[in-house]
Amino acid sequence: MQYRKDRYGNPISVLGYGCMRFTARAGKIDLDKAEKEIMAAIEGGVNYFDTAYIYAGSEAALGEILRRNNARNRVNIATKLPHYLLKKPDSMEKYFQEQLRRLQTDHVDYYLMHMLTDVKSWQRIKDLGVADWLAEKKASGAIRQVGFSYHGNSDMFCHLIDAYDWDFCQIQYNYLDEHSQAGVTGLKYAAEKGLPVVIMEPLRGGRLVNHLPPDAVKAFQSDASGRSPAEWAFRWLWNQEEVTCVLSGMNSLDMLHENLRAAENCRAGEMTEQDFAVIEKVRNAINAHMKVGCTGCRYCMPCPHQVDIPGTFAAYNHLYSDGKIAGFKEYFMCTALRRNSTGAGMCVQCGKCELHCPQQIPIRQMLKEARRELEGPVYKLGSKAVKLVMKY
């Protein structure tokens, strides 16, 4: 196992364990199976385990497994405050104490504000006293380091980085999302500020392994290295020195062992020109199935009416490459899960964006089409619900 350093010089395994996808049977986590997988990961050198308050049964399962095996001191636990559920100042303490009970521990090593959407969402919980509360918890040792997880565009991500003295952050990032969501711009900005970056969705929920188009599969298979699609995706991430830890929701021993082998000898900067050429072939093969030829360059931004144009097109493309649920989920998180919508519905057809698009995309027309497919009744109801919650 290779290790990289957190902000304070502590070693973090380059492969982290995402605890959202434990195997469940009859609606309940299969604790014995999860125990075998977690302990095999620990024996393989994994020391970063990521969970969250809203991952059903996950915190309790992780806590019980670590207790059974007397392994709490061998790992770092990362979990998340559901800030979107906070309605009054004492709520954060209530949730935190419940998390400690579930995890059967007296401290959390890495504590994240879960899915911060923008600076306004951070300001809302600051007004509830979260900054003072976090300072108190850090002083007592109950929380060792504070960060946030994020789904959204790179501009807002950079503003959030500057809004507080964070210790680390977590973003969605992979070779297909290089220029969408926080993207490489956000990754490098965080690193320049001295923040370790934890990566989620390195395989797009498995879609960069199980749902590749034939030409992409052929591109991987034709390379003499014999690497699996998963290893290619991980190595592309680990090749970047700004990446600290890559999370994987490993729910089988085979998957775990494959990822452990890949993490044994990865180094930043080791990919060759030939390696990058293979990734480019795969990316092009996937993009051939996209609806919009948007590269995420962001020359069209900022939109004067706050439309997240690259984010909308990324979700619209995912609707066709990854399926309707995946596309809708990404669109909702990136445009509706915030106080002020950034979706295609905000477009007033002014056309300023099209003056700067190097791909000469008919942005206004494509935004109409994206809105028609992505902003259905479920999106509208969900957006209204978010606005009600955000009022608190």
Protein backbone atom coordinates (compact mmCIF):
# COMPACT_ATOMS: atom_id res chain seq x y z
CA MET A 1 0.00 0.00 0.00
CA GLN A 2 1.20 3.48 -0.84
CA TYR A 3 0.51 6.42 1.49
CA ARG A 4 0.25 10.16 1.08
CA LYS A 5 0.12 12.83 3.77
CA ASP A 6 -2.76 14.81 5.21
CA ARG A 7 -2.41 18.46 6.14
CA TYR A 8 -0.55 17.63 9.32
CA GLY A 9 1.76 14.98 7.93
CA ASN A 10 -0.24 11.90 8.93
CA PRO A 11 -0.10 9.00 6.44
CA ILE A 12 -3.29 8.27 4.51
CA SER A 13 -3.62 5.19 2.32
CA VAL A 14 -4.05 6.10 -1.34
CA LEU A 15 -6.94 3.63 -1.42
CA GLY A 16 -9.79 4.47 0.92
CA TYR A 17 -12.81 2.36 1.80
CA GLY A 18 -16.19 3.85 0.90
CA CYS A 19 -18.73 2.40 3.31
CA MET A 20 -21.93 3.39 1.50
CA ARG A 21 -22.29 0.16 -0.47
CA PHE A 22 -22.05 -2.63 2.09
CA THR A 23 -23.97 -5.68 0.91
CA ALA A 24 -27.49 -5.76 2.32
CA ARG A 25 -29.84 -8.73 2.63
CA ALA A 26 -33.54 -8.24 3.33
CA GLY A 27 -32.87 -4.55 3.87
CA LYS A 28 -30.17 -5.12 6.49
CA ILE A 29 -26.39 -4.92 6.13
CA ASP A 30 -24.73 -8.35 6.02
CA LEU A 31 -22.40 -7.66 8.93
CA ASP A 32 -20.37 -10.87 8.68
CA LYS A 33 -19.63 -10.30 5.00
CA ALA A 34 -18.76 -6.64 5.58
CA GLU A 35 -16.50 -7.67 8.46
CA LYS A 36 -14.45 -9.97 6.23
CA GLU A 37 -14.07 -7.23 3.63
CA ILE A 38 -13.18 -4.48 6.09
CA MET A 39 -10.64 -6.56 7.99
CA ALA A 40 -9.05 -7.72 4.72
CA ALA A 41 -8.76 -4.07 3.73
CA ILE A 42 -7.12 -3.17 7.05
CA GLU A 43 -4.68 -6.07 6.72
CA GLY A 44 -3.92 -4.80 3.20
CA GLY A 45 -2.98 -1.36 4.54
CA VAL A 46 -6.18 0.63 4.03
CA ASN A 47 -6.48 3.13 6.88
CA TYR A 48 -9.17 5.57 5.68
CA PHE A 49 -12.84 4.54 6.04
CA ASP A 50 -15.55 6.90 4.81
CA THR A 51 -19.17 6.80 5.98
CA ALA A 52 -21.99 9.29 6.69
CA TYR A 53 -24.95 9.86 8.97
CA ILE A 54 -27.46 9.22 6.18
CA TYR A 55 -25.87 6.00 4.85
CA ALA A 56 -28.42 3.59 6.29
CA GLY A 57 -26.77 1.30 8.86
CA SER A 58 -23.25 2.15 7.68
CA GLU A 59 -21.89 3.98 10.72
CA ALA A 60 -23.25 1.34 13.11
CA ALA A 61 -21.85 -1.51 11.00
CA LEU A 62 -18.40 0.07 10.80
CA GLY A 63 -18.37 0.78 14.53
CA GLU A 64 -19.38 -2.76 15.45
CA ILE A 65 -16.82 -4.36 13.14
CA LEU A 66 -14.00 -2.21 14.49
CA ARG A 67 -15.09 -3.01 18.09
CA ARG A 68 -15.27 -6.76 17.45
CA ASN A 69 -11.73 -6.77 16.10
CA ASN A 70 -10.22 -4.17 18.43
CA ALA A 71 -9.26 -2.25 15.30
CA ARG A 72 -10.39 1.31 16.04
CA ASN A 73 -6.84 2.56 16.57
CA ARG A 74 -5.68 1.05 13.29
CA VAL A 75 -7.89 3.22 11.11
CA ASN A 76 -9.08 6.75 10.45
CA ILE A 77 -12.84 7.24 10.46
CA ALA A 78 -14.33 9.87 8.18
CA THR A 79 -18.00 10.67 8.61
CA LYS A 80 -20.26 13.58 7.80
CA LEU A 81 -22.54 16.09 9.49
CA PRO A 82 -25.95 16.23 7.76
CA HIS A 83 -25.96 20.03 7.87
CA TYR A 84 -29.06 20.16 5.65
CA LEU A 85 -31.03 18.66 8.56
CA LEU A 86 -29.91 21.30 11.06
CA LYS A 87 -32.66 23.62 12.25
CA LYS A 88 -31.27 24.99 15.53
CA PRO A 89 -27.86 25.41 17.15
CA ASP A 90 -28.00 22.35 19.42
CA SER A 91 -28.85 20.01 16.50
CA MET A 92 -25.22 19.54 15.48
CA GLU A 93 -24.29 18.23 18.92
CA LYS A 94 -27.26 15.87 18.87
CA TYR A 95 -26.27 14.38 15.52
CA PHE A 96 -22.60 14.17 16.47
CA GLN A 97 -23.26 12.33 19.73
CA GLU A 98 -25.49 9.88 17.86
CA GLN A 99 -22.68 9.28 15.38
CA LEU A 100 -20.18 8.61 18.15
CA ARG A 101 -22.58 6.06 19.65
CA ARG A 102 -23.06 4.35 16.30
CA LEU A 103 -19.33 4.28 15.62
CA GLN A 104 -18.54 3.20 19.20
CA THR A 105 -15.76 5.74 19.49
CA ASP A 106 -14.93 8.93 21.35
CA HIS A 107 -13.60 10.83 18.35
CA VAL A 108 -13.86 11.21 14.59
CA ASP A 109 -10.63 11.61 12.68
CA TYR A 110 -12.03 13.38 9.61
CA TYR A 111 -15.38 15.16 9.88
CA LEU A 112 -17.04 16.55 6.77
CA MET A 113 -19.86 18.94 6.14
CA HIS A 114 -21.86 16.62 3.89
CA MET A 115 -22.62 17.91 0.39
CA LEU A 116 -22.04 21.60 0.87
CA THR A 117 -23.60 23.17 -2.20
CA ASP A 118 -22.45 26.78 -2.08
CA VAL A 119 -21.16 29.53 0.20
CA LYS A 120 -24.72 30.37 1.25
CA SER A 121 -25.24 26.85 2.60
CA TRP A 122 -22.04 27.22 4.62
CA GLN A 123 -23.09 30.67 5.85
CA ARG A 124 -26.44 29.26 6.99
CA ILE A 125 -24.82 26.77 9.35
CA LYS A 126 -22.21 29.34 10.39
CA ASP A 127 -25.11 31.46 11.54
CA LEU A 128 -26.18 28.47 13.65
CA GLY A 129 -22.76 28.49 15.31
CA VAL A 130 -21.04 25.62 13.51
CA ALA A 131 -17.64 27.34 13.34
CA ASP A 132 -17.47 27.81 17.11
CA TRP A 133 -18.81 24.29 17.66
CA LEU A 134 -16.16 22.79 15.39
CA ALA A 135 -13.43 24.80 17.12
CA GLU A 136 -14.59 23.43 20.48
CA LYS A 137 -14.64 19.85 19.17
CA LYS A 138 -11.18 20.19 17.64
CA ALA A 139 -9.81 21.65 20.86
CA SER A 140 -11.19 18.69 22.84
CA GLY A 141 -9.94 16.13 20.31
CA ALA A 142 -13.44 14.83 19.56
CA ILE A 143 -12.92 15.93 15.97
CA ARG A 144 -9.39 15.82 14.61
CA GLN A 145 -9.82 17.46 11.18
CA VAL A 146 -12.66 19.28 9.41
CA GLY A 147 -13.54 19.19 5.73
CA PHE A 148 -16.45 19.16 3.31
CA SER A 149 -17.75 17.06 0.45
CA TYR A 150 -18.97 18.74 -2.69
CA HIS A 151 -21.00 18.27 -5.87
CA GLY A 152 -21.13 21.34 -8.08
CA ASN A 153 -19.03 23.52 -10.36
CA SER A 154 -15.41 24.51 -9.91
CA ASP A 155 -16.09 28.23 -9.41
CA MET A 156 -18.27 27.71 -6.35
CA PHE A 157 -15.92 25.02 -5.05
CA CYS A 158 -13.06 27.51 -5.04
CA HIS A 159 -15.23 30.05 -3.19
CA LEU A 160 -16.03 27.41 -0.57
CA ILE A 161 -12.35 26.57 -0.16
CA ASP A 162 -11.75 30.21 0.76
CA ALA A 163 -14.74 30.45 3.12
CA TYR A 164 -13.14 28.61 6.08
CA ASP A 165 -9.84 27.20 7.29
CA TRP A 166 -10.57 23.65 6.12
CA ASP A 167 -8.22 20.73 6.76
CA PHE A 168 -9.27 18.70 3.69
CA CYS A 169 -12.02 18.30 1.10
CA GLN A 170 -13.76 15.59 -0.94
CA ILE A 171 -14.84 15.81 -4.57
CA GLN A 172 -16.18 13.64 -7.38
CA TYR A 173 -13.37 13.21 -9.92
CA ASN A 174 -12.37 10.69 -12.57
CA TYR A 175 -10.98 10.67 -16.10
CA LEU A 176 -14.41 11.43 -17.54
CA ASP A 177 -15.17 14.22 -15.03
CA GLU A 178 -11.83 15.98 -15.47
CA HIS A 179 -13.56 19.20 -16.50
CA SER A 180 -16.94 18.88 -14.81
CA GLN A 181 -18.01 19.32 -11.17
CA ALA A 182 -15.03 20.65 -9.13
CA GLY A 183 -12.79 19.11 -11.78
CA VAL A 184 -9.06 19.50 -12.22
CA THR A 185 -9.43 23.24 -11.60
CA GLY A 186 -10.84 22.61 -8.14
CA LEU A 187 -8.36 19.82 -7.43
CA LYS A 188 -5.38 22.05 -8.17
CA TYR A 189 -6.85 25.02 -6.33
CA ALA A 190 -7.35 22.97 -3.16
CA ALA A 191 -3.82 21.58 -3.42
CA GLU A 192 -2.39 25.07 -3.87
CA LYS A 193 -4.09 26.00 -0.61
CA GLY A 194 -2.38 23.04 1.07
CA LEU A 195 -5.52 20.90 1.36
CA PRO A 196 -5.50 17.13 0.87
CA VAL A 197 -8.18 16.01 -1.60
CA VAL A 198 -10.18 12.81 -1.16
CA ILE A 199 -11.76 11.47 -4.34
CA MET A 200 -15.23 9.93 -4.56
CA GLU A 201 -16.85 8.23 -7.56
CA PRO A 202 -13.55 7.28 -9.24
CA LEU A 203 -15.45 4.70 -11.30
CA ARG A 204 -18.72 6.65 -11.62
CA GLY A 205 -20.53 4.11 -9.44
CA GLY A 206 -18.97 1.25 -11.43
CA ARG A 207 -20.00 2.63 -14.83
CA LEU A 208 -16.37 3.09 -15.91
CA VAL A 209 -16.00 -0.67 -15.45
CA ASN A 210 -19.33 -2.32 -16.22
CA HIS A 211 -20.96 -0.04 -18.79
CA LEU A 212 -18.16 0.93 -21.16
CA PRO A 213 -18.95 1.03 -24.90
CA PRO A 214 -17.24 -1.68 -27.02
CA ASP A 215 -14.64 0.71 -28.46
CA ALA A 216 -13.57 1.71 -24.96
CA VAL A 217 -13.25 -1.91 -23.87
CA LYS A 218 -11.19 -2.64 -27.00
CA ALA A 219 -8.85 0.28 -26.27
CA PHE A 220 -8.09 -1.08 -22.81
CA GLN A 221 -7.72 -4.67 -24.01
CA SER A 222 -5.33 -3.72 -26.80
CA ASP A 223 -2.79 -2.32 -24.37
CA ALA A 224 0.00 -4.71 -23.38
CA SER A 225 -0.17 -3.80 -19.68
CA GLY A 226 -3.20 -6.05 -19.12
CA ARG A 227 -4.67 -3.59 -16.63
CA SER A 228 -8.36 -3.79 -15.85
CA PRO A 229 -10.63 -0.78 -16.48
CA ALA A 230 -10.75 -0.20 -12.73
CA GLU A 231 -6.96 -0.14 -12.43
CA TRP A 232 -6.70 2.30 -15.33
CA ALA A 233 -9.16 4.63 -13.60
CA PHE A 234 -7.34 4.45 -10.27
CA ARG A 235 -3.91 4.90 -11.80
CA TRP A 236 -5.07 7.96 -13.72
CA LEU A 237 -6.05 9.48 -10.36
CA TRP A 238 -3.00 8.37 -8.41
CA ASN A 239 -0.79 9.75 -11.16
CA GLN A 240 -1.76 13.22 -9.92
CA GLU A 241 0.18 14.30 -6.85
CA GLU A 242 -2.72 16.53 -5.77
CA VAL A 243 -4.87 13.43 -5.13
CA THR A 244 -4.47 12.18 -1.56
CA CYS A 245 -6.90 9.28 -1.26
CA VAL A 246 -9.29 7.56 -3.67
CA LEU A 247 -12.44 6.02 -2.20
CA SER A 248 -13.83 2.76 -3.49
CA GLY A 249 -17.10 1.15 -2.41
CA MET A 250 -15.63 -2.36 -2.27
CA ASN A 251 -18.34 -4.92 -1.51
CA SER A 252 -16.54 -8.10 -2.54
CA LEU A 253 -13.18 -9.62 -1.66
CA ASP A 254 -12.33 -9.95 -5.35
CA MET A 255 -12.86 -6.24 -5.87
CA LEU A 256 -10.88 -5.45 -2.75
CA HIS A 257 -7.90 -7.59 -3.72
CA GLU A 258 -7.83 -6.14 -7.25
CA ASN A 259 -7.76 -2.61 -5.86
CA LEU A 260 -5.13 -3.49 -3.25
CA ARG A 261 -2.84 -4.87 -5.97
CA ALA A 262 -3.23 -1.66 -7.97
CA ALA A 263 -2.44 0.44 -4.88
CA GLU A 264 0.76 -1.46 -4.04
CA ASN A 265 3.08 0.30 -6.45
CA CYS A 266 1.33 3.38 -7.80
CA ARG A 267 3.34 6.59 -7.98
CA ALA A 268 2.50 10.14 -8.98
CA GLY A 269 3.84 11.06 -12.39
CA GLU A 270 4.45 7.49 -13.54
CA MET A 271 1.98 7.40 -16.44
CA THR A 272 3.57 7.46 -19.90
CA GLU A 273 2.48 9.17 -23.09
CA GLN A 274 1.20 5.80 -24.26
CA ASP A 275 -0.87 5.46 -21.08
CA PHE A 276 -2.45 8.85 -21.63
CA ALA A 277 -3.16 7.91 -25.24
CA VAL A 278 -5.10 4.85 -24.06
CA ILE A 279 -7.16 6.96 -21.63
CA GLU A 280 -7.85 9.46 -24.43
CA LYS A 281 -9.10 6.67 -26.73
CA VAL A 282 -11.41 5.44 -24.00
CA ARG A 283 -12.65 8.94 -23.22
CA ASN A 284 -13.35 9.59 -26.90
CA ALA A 285 -15.21 6.30 -27.21
CA ILE A 286 -17.42 7.22 -24.27
CA ASN A 287 -17.94 10.78 -25.46
CA ALA A 288 -19.08 9.51 -28.85
CA HIS A 289 -22.29 8.49 -27.07
CA MET A 290 -22.78 11.95 -25.56
CA LYS A 291 -25.57 14.33 -26.52
CA VAL A 292 -23.53 17.55 -26.24
CA GLY A 293 -19.90 18.01 -27.28
CA CYS A 294 -19.10 20.10 -24.20
CA THR A 295 -15.52 19.78 -22.96
CA GLY A 296 -16.16 21.63 -19.70
CA CYS A 297 -13.75 24.44 -20.64
CA ARG A 298 -16.09 26.95 -18.91
CA TYR A 299 -15.48 29.74 -21.44
CA CYS A 300 -19.26 30.21 -21.40
CA MET A 301 -19.20 31.03 -17.69
CA PRO A 302 -20.21 32.85 -15.62
CA CYS A 303 -23.78 32.94 -16.83
CA PRO A 304 -25.45 36.26 -15.89
CA HIS A 305 -28.51 34.30 -14.79
CA GLN A 306 -26.57 31.71 -12.78
CA VAL A 307 -27.13 28.71 -15.09
CA ASP A 308 -24.50 26.04 -14.53
CA ILE A 309 -24.03 25.40 -18.25
CA PRO A 310 -21.17 22.83 -18.11
CA GLY A 311 -22.83 21.07 -15.16
CA THR A 312 -26.14 20.85 -17.01
CA PHE A 313 -24.50 19.43 -20.12
CA ALA A 314 -22.46 16.93 -18.08
CA ALA A 315 -25.64 15.62 -16.44
CA TYR A 316 -27.46 15.58 -19.80
CA ASN A 317 -24.64 13.50 -21.27
CA HIS A 318 -24.70 11.17 -18.29
CA LEU A 319 -28.40 10.68 -18.88
CA TYR A 320 -27.48 8.93 -22.13
CA SER A 321 -24.16 7.33 -21.22
CA ASP A 322 -24.94 6.18 -17.67
CA GLY A 323 -28.72 5.95 -17.59
CA LYS A 324 -31.63 8.16 -16.59
CA ILE A 325 -31.24 7.74 -12.84
CA ALA A 326 -27.54 8.63 -12.89
CA GLY A 327 -28.10 11.66 -15.11
CA PHE A 328 -31.02 12.94 -13.06
CA LYS A 329 -29.17 12.42 -9.78
CA GLU A 330 -26.16 14.40 -10.96
CA TYR A 331 -28.34 17.18 -12.35
CA PHE A 332 -30.35 17.46 -9.14
CA MET A 333 -27.25 17.58 -6.93
CA CYS A 334 -25.48 20.14 -9.12
CA THR A 335 -28.40 22.48 -9.84
CA ALA A 336 -31.27 22.03 -7.38
CA LEU A 337 -29.59 21.10 -4.11
CA ARG A 338 -28.89 24.73 -3.25
CA ARG A 339 -30.79 27.84 -2.24
CA ASN A 340 -30.78 29.36 -5.72
CA SER A 341 -31.25 27.00 -8.65
CA THR A 342 -28.54 26.87 -11.32
CA GLY A 343 -30.51 24.66 -13.71
CA ALA A 344 -31.37 25.11 -17.36
CA GLY A 345 -34.73 26.56 -16.40
CA MET A 346 -32.97 29.80 -15.36
CA CYS A 347 -31.86 30.46 -18.97
CA VAL A 348 -33.42 33.58 -20.53
CA GLN A 349 -31.92 32.91 -23.99
CA CYS A 350 -29.66 35.99 -23.92
CA GLY A 351 -26.99 34.18 -25.96
CA LYS A 352 -23.92 35.65 -24.25
CA CYS A 353 -22.59 32.16 -23.59
CA GLU A 354 -22.53 31.25 -27.28
CA LEU A 355 -20.18 34.15 -28.08
CA HIS A 356 -17.41 32.42 -26.10
CA CYS A 357 -17.92 28.71 -26.84
CA PRO A 358 -14.88 27.33 -28.75
CA GLN A 359 -16.94 24.26 -29.78
CA GLN A 360 -19.62 26.55 -31.24
CA ILE A 361 -22.32 24.61 -29.40
CA PRO A 362 -25.85 25.99 -29.85
CA ILE A 363 -26.01 26.38 -26.08
CA ARG A 364 -29.46 27.95 -25.87
CA GLN A 365 -31.07 25.19 -27.90
CA MET A 366 -29.23 22.44 -26.03
CA LEU A 367 -30.25 23.94 -22.68
CA LYS A 368 -33.88 23.80 -23.83
CA GLU A 369 -33.48 20.13 -24.72
CA ALA A 370 -31.71 19.35 -21.45
CA ARG A 371 -34.41 21.13 -19.48
CA ARG A 372 -37.13 19.18 -21.27
CA GLU A 373 -35.57 15.85 -20.27
CA LEU A 374 -34.13 16.68 -16.86
CA GLU A 375 -36.62 19.07 -15.27
CA GLY A 376 -39.68 16.87 -15.03
CA PRO A 377 -42.23 16.65 -12.18
CA VAL A 378 -39.83 14.87 -9.82
CA TYR A 379 -37.18 17.55 -10.30
CA LYS A 380 -39.69 20.33 -9.72
CA LEU A 381 -41.09 18.74 -6.56
CA GLY A 382 -37.59 18.05 -5.27
CA SER A 383 -36.53 21.64 -5.97
CA LYS A 384 -39.49 22.97 -4.00
CA ALA A 385 -38.64 20.68 -1.09
CA VAL A 386 -35.03 21.88 -1.12
CA LYS A 387 -36.14 25.51 -1.00
CA LEU A 388 -38.34 24.80 2.01
CA VAL A 389 -35.45 23.10 3.82
CA MET A 390 -33.01 25.86 2.90
CA LYS A 391 -35.26 28.44 4.58
CA TYR A 392 -34.30 27.14 7.99
